[in-house]
Amino acid sequence: MPTPSVRKATETDKVLVEGGLGPPELARLGRYRACTQLSLRALAIADLECVTRLPALASVELYATRIDDWGALARCRTLRRLFVNGVKDPARLAQVSALPQLTNLGLANLHTLTALPDLAGCRRLTEVLVWNCKRLRDLAPLLRAPRLARLRLVATPHTPDELVPLLALPRLKFVSAQFATVRANQRFAALLAEHGKRAHPVG
């Protein structure tokens, strides 16, 4: 476990918290009230009450963390982006369904994740990235995200034809996916054209 630290990333307004979040770290976090981005790394904590110390917070990143209660995110009305990478207990993702203010959700390196959380209550969610979640099978929650417009899938176990229900969604405008063979990528390109979709724009 790295030594606990709280620091501001160079030339950004992102606060990096790593290794621990006790009273000294919380006190230091309070110095960055104007920052809009928070990255938590290698932490095992009970809850995310720390987000209440950043009243302008728009983006939260969780890297290799174990956090029991994500409820404080629902009270963070300025939050728009959540990126979850390698968290210790993907079952906690169910709490994403209580975040109607999210516009952007990223999930990466969740090696035991088999199904996405319920996204029907994420009324503002327009963009989803799923990267290297190789056991993920159930994409049905994406069908229930009412404003989903952009989707990127990288290193998931799906075939191009398994994505047809998503490609048929009128509200979904941009879709990108990568497959292991040239034939599969060509098939996906044909399906994109058939359903009037475009690859997700860079950036």
C-alpha atoms as a PDB file:
ATOM      1  CA  MET A   1       0.000   0.000   0.000  1.00  0.00           C
ATOM      2  CA  PRO A   2       1.521   3.381  -0.977  1.00  0.00           C
ATOM      3  CA  THR A   3       2.128   6.078   1.623  1.00  0.00           C
ATOM      4  CA  PRO A   4      -1.047   8.190   2.070  1.00  0.00           C
ATOM      5  CA  SER A   5      -0.851  11.418   0.094  1.00  0.00           C
ATOM      6  CA  VAL A   6      -3.051  14.237  -1.171  1.00  0.00           C
ATOM      7  CA  ARG A   7      -1.738  16.457  -3.941  1.00  0.00           C
ATOM      8  CA  LYS A   8      -2.858  18.479  -6.903  1.00  0.00           C
ATOM      9  CA  ALA A   9      -1.822  17.168 -10.306  1.00  0.00           C
ATOM     10  CA  THR A  10       0.518  19.531 -12.147  1.00  0.00           C
ATOM     11  CA  GLU A  11      -1.201  22.082 -14.396  1.00  0.00           C
ATOM     12  CA  THR A  12      -4.679  20.657 -13.732  1.00  0.00           C
ATOM     13  CA  ASP A  13      -7.442  21.113 -11.192  1.00  0.00           C
ATOM     14  CA  LYS A  14      -7.381  17.387 -10.358  1.00  0.00           C
ATOM     15  CA  VAL A  15      -6.725  16.278  -6.794  1.00  0.00           C
ATOM     16  CA  LEU A  16      -4.943  12.932  -6.386  1.00  0.00           C
ATOM     17  CA  VAL A  17      -5.557  10.969  -3.172  1.00  0.00           C
ATOM     18  CA  GLU A  18      -3.563   7.786  -2.740  1.00  0.00           C
ATOM     19  CA  GLY A  19      -2.909   5.141  -0.122  1.00  0.00           C
ATOM     20  CA  GLY A  20      -5.163   6.324   2.697  1.00  0.00           C
ATOM     21  CA  LEU A  21      -7.748   8.889   3.747  1.00  0.00           C
ATOM     22  CA  GLY A  22      -7.506   9.615   7.449  1.00  0.00           C
ATOM     23  CA  PRO A  23      -7.968  12.950   9.259  1.00  0.00           C
ATOM     24  CA  PRO A  24      -4.660  14.453   7.984  1.00  0.00           C
ATOM     25  CA  GLU A  25      -5.550  13.676   4.368  1.00  0.00           C
ATOM     26  CA  LEU A  26      -9.107  14.951   4.752  1.00  0.00           C
ATOM     27  CA  ALA A  27      -7.795  18.211   6.186  1.00  0.00           C
ATOM     28  CA  ARG A  28      -5.461  18.631   3.244  1.00  0.00           C
ATOM     29  CA  LEU A  29      -8.242  17.805   0.774  1.00  0.00           C
ATOM     30  CA  GLY A  30     -10.183  20.762   2.132  1.00  0.00           C
ATOM     31  CA  ARG A  31      -7.531  23.084   0.714  1.00  0.00           C
ATOM     32  CA  TYR A  32      -8.625  22.251  -2.825  1.00  0.00           C
ATOM     33  CA  ARG A  33     -12.269  23.285  -2.675  1.00  0.00           C
ATOM     34  CA  ALA A  34     -12.146  24.917  -6.099  1.00  0.00           C
ATOM     35  CA  CYS A  35     -10.984  21.720  -7.862  1.00  0.00           C
ATOM     36  CA  THR A  36     -13.459  19.926 -10.106  1.00  0.00           C
ATOM     37  CA  GLN A  37     -11.712  16.543 -10.437  1.00  0.00           C
ATOM     38  CA  LEU A  38     -10.897  13.924  -7.803  1.00  0.00           C
ATOM     39  CA  SER A  39      -8.871  10.747  -8.334  1.00  0.00           C
ATOM     40  CA  LEU A  40      -8.824   8.141  -5.544  1.00  0.00           C
ATOM     41  CA  ARG A  41      -6.201   5.404  -5.808  1.00  0.00           C
ATOM     42  CA  ALA A  42      -5.341   2.327  -3.749  1.00  0.00           C
ATOM     43  CA  LEU A  43      -7.779   3.145  -0.936  1.00  0.00           C
ATOM     44  CA  ALA A  44      -9.910   0.976   1.330  1.00  0.00           C
ATOM     45  CA  ILE A  45     -12.481   3.257   2.998  1.00  0.00           C
ATOM     46  CA  ALA A  46     -16.028   2.950   4.288  1.00  0.00           C
ATOM     47  CA  ASP A  47     -17.647   5.717   2.232  1.00  0.00           C
ATOM     48  CA  LEU A  48     -17.135   8.608  -0.154  1.00  0.00           C
ATOM     49  CA  GLU A  49     -18.063  11.461   2.179  1.00  0.00           C
ATOM     50  CA  CYS A  50     -14.783  13.075   1.105  1.00  0.00           C
ATOM     51  CA  VAL A  51     -16.494  14.301  -2.080  1.00  0.00           C
ATOM     52  CA  THR A  52     -18.537  16.753  -0.006  1.00  0.00           C
ATOM     53  CA  ARG A  53     -15.331  18.726   0.643  1.00  0.00           C
ATOM     54  CA  LEU A  54     -15.142  19.684  -3.053  1.00  0.00           C
ATOM     55  CA  PRO A  55     -18.325  21.666  -3.820  1.00  0.00           C
ATOM     56  CA  ALA A  56     -17.482  22.136  -7.525  1.00  0.00           C
ATOM     57  CA  LEU A  57     -16.667  18.462  -8.121  1.00  0.00           C
ATOM     58  CA  ALA A  58     -17.552  17.297 -11.646  1.00  0.00           C
ATOM     59  CA  SER A  59     -15.412  14.167 -12.107  1.00  0.00           C
ATOM     60  CA  VAL A  60     -14.493  11.242  -9.837  1.00  0.00           C
ATOM     61  CA  GLU A  61     -12.036   8.472 -10.687  1.00  0.00           C
ATOM     62  CA  LEU A  62     -11.709   5.297  -8.601  1.00  0.00           C
ATOM     63  CA  TYR A  63      -8.573   3.199  -9.180  1.00  0.00           C
ATOM     64  CA  ALA A  64      -8.016  -0.093  -7.319  1.00  0.00           C
ATOM     65  CA  THR A  65     -10.221   0.991  -4.425  1.00  0.00           C
ATOM     66  CA  ARG A  66     -12.494  -0.799  -1.981  1.00  0.00           C
ATOM     67  CA  ILE A  67     -15.304   1.537  -0.931  1.00  0.00           C
ATOM     68  CA  ASP A  68     -18.426   0.168   0.726  1.00  0.00           C
ATOM     69  CA  ASP A  69     -20.854   3.073   0.415  1.00  0.00           C
ATOM     70  CA  TRP A  70     -20.946   5.319  -2.659  1.00  0.00           C
ATOM     71  CA  GLY A  71     -24.027   7.173  -1.437  1.00  0.00           C
ATOM     72  CA  ALA A  72     -22.272  10.535  -1.127  1.00  0.00           C
ATOM     73  CA  LEU A  73     -21.953  10.638  -4.932  1.00  0.00           C
ATOM     74  CA  ALA A  74     -25.738  10.925  -5.210  1.00  0.00           C
ATOM     75  CA  ARG A  75     -25.601  14.093  -3.101  1.00  0.00           C
ATOM     76  CA  CYS A  76     -22.917  15.621  -5.314  1.00  0.00           C
ATOM     77  CA  ARG A  77     -25.165  17.529  -7.709  1.00  0.00           C
ATOM     78  CA  THR A  78     -22.279  18.870  -9.785  1.00  0.00           C
ATOM     79  CA  LEU A  79     -20.932  15.362 -10.545  1.00  0.00           C
ATOM     80  CA  ARG A  80     -21.034  14.534 -14.254  1.00  0.00           C
ATOM     81  CA  ARG A  81     -18.326  11.914 -14.841  1.00  0.00           C
ATOM     82  CA  LEU A  82     -17.479   8.689 -13.017  1.00  0.00           C
ATOM     83  CA  PHE A  83     -14.571   6.464 -14.066  1.00  0.00           C
ATOM     84  CA  VAL A  84     -14.095   3.129 -12.285  1.00  0.00           C
ATOM     85  CA  ASN A  85     -10.882   1.187 -12.909  1.00  0.00           C
ATOM     86  CA  GLY A  86     -10.005  -2.084 -11.217  1.00  0.00           C
ATOM     87  CA  VAL A  87     -12.137  -1.630  -8.096  1.00  0.00           C
ATOM     88  CA  LYS A  88     -11.942  -4.467  -5.601  1.00  0.00           C
ATOM     89  CA  ASP A  89     -15.672  -5.188  -5.452  1.00  0.00           C
ATOM     90  CA  PRO A  90     -17.544  -4.548  -8.723  1.00  0.00           C
ATOM     91  CA  ALA A  91     -20.809  -5.400  -6.962  1.00  0.00           C
ATOM     92  CA  ARG A  92     -20.675  -1.848  -5.586  1.00  0.00           C
ATOM     93  CA  LEU A  93     -21.381  -0.641  -9.128  1.00  0.00           C
ATOM     94  CA  ALA A  94     -25.060  -1.231  -8.415  1.00  0.00           C
ATOM     95  CA  GLN A  95     -24.953   2.125  -6.638  1.00  0.00           C
ATOM     96  CA  VAL A  96     -24.450   3.867 -10.000  1.00  0.00           C
ATOM     97  CA  SER A  97     -28.205   3.504 -10.550  1.00  0.00           C
ATOM     98  CA  ALA A  98     -28.707   6.189  -7.882  1.00  0.00           C
ATOM     99  CA  LEU A  99     -26.745   8.816  -9.855  1.00  0.00           C
ATOM    100  CA  PRO A 100     -29.223  10.574 -12.176  1.00  0.00           C
ATOM    101  CA  GLN A 101     -26.815  13.494 -12.668  1.00  0.00           C
ATOM    102  CA  LEU A 102     -24.129  11.454 -14.467  1.00  0.00           C
ATOM    103  CA  THR A 103     -23.472  12.206 -18.133  1.00  0.00           C
ATOM    104  CA  ASN A 104     -20.352  10.050 -18.607  1.00  0.00           C
ATOM    105  CA  LEU A 105     -19.556   6.594 -17.183  1.00  0.00           C
ATOM    106  CA  GLY A 106     -16.315   4.683 -17.724  1.00  0.00           C
ATOM    107  CA  LEU A 107     -15.639   1.119 -16.572  1.00  0.00           C
ATOM    108  CA  ALA A 108     -12.216  -0.486 -17.023  1.00  0.00           C
ATOM    109  CA  ASN A 109     -10.344  -3.579 -15.893  1.00  0.00           C
ATOM    110  CA  LEU A 110     -13.250  -5.042 -13.906  1.00  0.00           C
ATOM    111  CA  HIS A 111     -12.229  -8.647 -14.336  1.00  0.00           C
ATOM    112  CA  THR A 112     -15.119 -10.246 -12.417  1.00  0.00           C
ATOM    113  CA  LEU A 113     -17.877  -8.015 -13.802  1.00  0.00           C
ATOM    114  CA  THR A 114     -20.527 -10.045 -15.651  1.00  0.00           C
ATOM    115  CA  ALA A 115     -23.384  -7.512 -15.913  1.00  0.00           C
ATOM    116  CA  LEU A 116     -23.684  -3.741 -16.037  1.00  0.00           C
ATOM    117  CA  PRO A 117     -25.574  -1.908 -13.291  1.00  0.00           C
ATOM    118  CA  ASP A 118     -29.130  -0.699 -13.850  1.00  0.00           C
ATOM    119  CA  LEU A 119     -28.876   2.507 -15.886  1.00  0.00           C
ATOM    120  CA  ALA A 120     -32.567   3.335 -16.245  1.00  0.00           C
ATOM    121  CA  GLY A 121     -32.351   5.955 -13.507  1.00  0.00           C
ATOM    122  CA  CYS A 122     -29.295   7.632 -15.058  1.00  0.00           C
ATOM    123  CA  ARG A 123     -31.470  10.112 -16.891  1.00  0.00           C
ATOM    124  CA  ARG A 124     -28.648  12.331 -18.169  1.00  0.00           C
ATOM    125  CA  LEU A 125     -26.170   9.608 -19.121  1.00  0.00           C
ATOM    126  CA  THR A 126     -25.078  10.172 -22.720  1.00  0.00           C
ATOM    127  CA  GLU A 127     -21.704   8.386 -22.956  1.00  0.00           C
ATOM    128  CA  VAL A 128     -20.421   5.000 -21.744  1.00  0.00           C
ATOM    129  CA  LEU A 129     -16.975   3.443 -22.100  1.00  0.00           C
ATOM    130  CA  VAL A 130     -16.344  -0.217 -21.225  1.00  0.00           C
ATOM    131  CA  TRP A 131     -12.723  -1.338 -21.489  1.00  0.00           C
ATOM    132  CA  ASN A 132     -11.149  -4.722 -20.739  1.00  0.00           C
ATOM    133  CA  CYS A 133     -14.086  -6.271 -18.884  1.00  0.00           C
ATOM    134  CA  LYS A 134     -13.646  -9.714 -20.382  1.00  0.00           C
ATOM    135  CA  ARG A 135     -16.340 -11.526 -18.393  1.00  0.00           C
ATOM    136  CA  LEU A 136     -19.025  -8.969 -19.078  1.00  0.00           C
ATOM    137  CA  ARG A 137     -21.957 -10.560 -20.888  1.00  0.00           C
ATOM    138  CA  ASP A 138     -25.085  -8.607 -19.992  1.00  0.00           C
ATOM    139  CA  LEU A 139     -25.304  -5.302 -21.872  1.00  0.00           C
ATOM    140  CA  ALA A 140     -29.080  -5.009 -21.521  1.00  0.00           C
ATOM    141  CA  PRO A 141     -28.857  -2.093 -19.042  1.00  0.00           C
ATOM    142  CA  LEU A 142     -27.492   0.027 -21.894  1.00  0.00           C
ATOM    143  CA  LEU A 143     -30.831  -0.421 -23.686  1.00  0.00           C
ATOM    144  CA  ARG A 144     -32.559   1.201 -20.717  1.00  0.00           C
ATOM    145  CA  ALA A 145     -30.322   4.279 -20.467  1.00  0.00           C
ATOM    146  CA  PRO A 146     -32.806   6.881 -21.774  1.00  0.00           C
ATOM    147  CA  ARG A 147     -30.314   9.344 -23.321  1.00  0.00           C
ATOM    148  CA  LEU A 148     -27.357   7.153 -24.271  1.00  0.00           C
ATOM    149  CA  ALA A 149     -25.825   8.576 -27.454  1.00  0.00           C
ATOM    150  CA  ARG A 150     -22.185   7.397 -27.449  1.00  0.00           C
ATOM    151  CA  LEU A 151     -20.804   3.960 -26.651  1.00  0.00           C
ATOM    152  CA  ARG A 152     -17.291   2.543 -26.748  1.00  0.00           C
ATOM    153  CA  LEU A 153     -16.568  -1.149 -26.119  1.00  0.00           C
ATOM    154  CA  VAL A 154     -12.969  -2.392 -26.032  1.00  0.00           C
ATOM    155  CA  ALA A 155     -11.864  -5.916 -25.093  1.00  0.00           C
ATOM    156  CA  THR A 156     -15.264  -7.285 -24.114  1.00  0.00           C
ATOM    157  CA  PRO A 157     -16.327 -10.826 -25.102  1.00  0.00           C
ATOM    158  CA  HIS A 158     -19.153  -9.865 -27.477  1.00  0.00           C
ATOM    159  CA  THR A 159     -19.472 -10.622 -31.174  1.00  0.00           C
ATOM    160  CA  PRO A 160     -20.595  -7.928 -33.625  1.00  0.00           C
ATOM    161  CA  ASP A 161     -24.012  -9.556 -34.010  1.00  0.00           C
ATOM    162  CA  GLU A 162     -24.572  -9.508 -30.256  1.00  0.00           C
ATOM    163  CA  LEU A 163     -24.442  -5.710 -30.449  1.00  0.00           C
ATOM    164  CA  VAL A 164     -27.318  -5.453 -32.949  1.00  0.00           C
ATOM    165  CA  PRO A 165     -29.961  -4.604 -30.286  1.00  0.00           C
ATOM    166  CA  LEU A 166     -27.822  -1.638 -29.262  1.00  0.00           C
ATOM    167  CA  LEU A 167     -27.193  -0.565 -32.845  1.00  0.00           C
ATOM    168  CA  ALA A 168     -30.941  -0.548 -33.396  1.00  0.00           C
ATOM    169  CA  LEU A 169     -31.456   2.155 -30.750  1.00  0.00           C
ATOM    170  CA  PRO A 170     -32.385   5.413 -32.542  1.00  0.00           C
ATOM    171  CA  ARG A 171     -30.890   7.552 -29.767  1.00  0.00           C
ATOM    172  CA  LEU A 172     -27.479   5.861 -30.009  1.00  0.00           C
ATOM    173  CA  LYS A 173     -25.522   7.852 -32.599  1.00  0.00           C
ATOM    174  CA  PHE A 174     -21.888   6.796 -32.157  1.00  0.00           C
ATOM    175  CA  VAL A 175     -20.639   3.271 -31.439  1.00  0.00           C
ATOM    176  CA  SER A 176     -17.100   1.933 -31.406  1.00  0.00           C
ATOM    177  CA  ALA A 177     -15.981  -1.621 -30.717  1.00  0.00           C
ATOM    178  CA  GLN A 178     -12.817  -3.598 -31.333  1.00  0.00           C
ATOM    179  CA  PHE A 179     -12.674  -7.300 -32.130  1.00  0.00           C
ATOM    180  CA  ALA A 180      -9.938  -9.901 -32.331  1.00  0.00           C
ATOM    181  CA  THR A 181     -10.181 -10.692 -36.060  1.00  0.00           C
ATOM    182  CA  VAL A 182     -10.296  -8.739 -39.291  1.00  0.00           C
ATOM    183  CA  ARG A 183     -13.495 -10.546 -40.266  1.00  0.00           C
ATOM    184  CA  ALA A 184     -15.237  -9.532 -37.058  1.00  0.00           C
ATOM    185  CA  ASN A 185     -14.189  -5.896 -37.443  1.00  0.00           C
ATOM    186  CA  GLN A 186     -15.412  -5.906 -41.035  1.00  0.00           C
ATOM    187  CA  ARG A 187     -18.731  -7.384 -39.912  1.00  0.00           C
ATOM    188  CA  PHE A 188     -19.088  -4.677 -37.284  1.00  0.00           C
ATOM    189  CA  ALA A 189     -18.348  -1.960 -39.852  1.00  0.00           C
ATOM    190  CA  ALA A 190     -21.092  -3.395 -42.064  1.00  0.00           C
ATOM    191  CA  LEU A 191     -23.540  -3.424 -39.145  1.00  0.00           C
ATOM    192  CA  LEU A 192     -22.710   0.189 -38.341  1.00  0.00           C
ATOM    193  CA  ALA A 193     -23.528   1.198 -41.894  1.00  0.00           C
ATOM    194  CA  GLU A 194     -26.685  -0.926 -41.942  1.00  0.00           C
ATOM    195  CA  HIS A 195     -28.040   0.805 -38.846  1.00  0.00           C
ATOM    196  CA  GLY A 196     -26.913   4.300 -39.796  1.00  0.00           C
ATOM    197  CA  LYS A 197     -24.381   4.625 -36.984  1.00  0.00           C
ATOM    198  CA  ARG A 198     -20.936   6.150 -36.931  1.00  0.00           C
ATOM    199  CA  ALA A 199     -17.796   5.135 -35.071  1.00  0.00           C
ATOM    200  CA  HIS A 200     -17.302   7.042 -31.849  1.00  0.00           C
ATOM    201  CA  PRO A 201     -15.403  10.277 -32.604  1.00  0.00           C
ATOM    202  CA  VAL A 202     -11.906  10.605 -31.205  1.00  0.00           C
ATOM    203  CA  GLY A 203     -11.621  12.827 -28.143  1.00  0.00           C
END
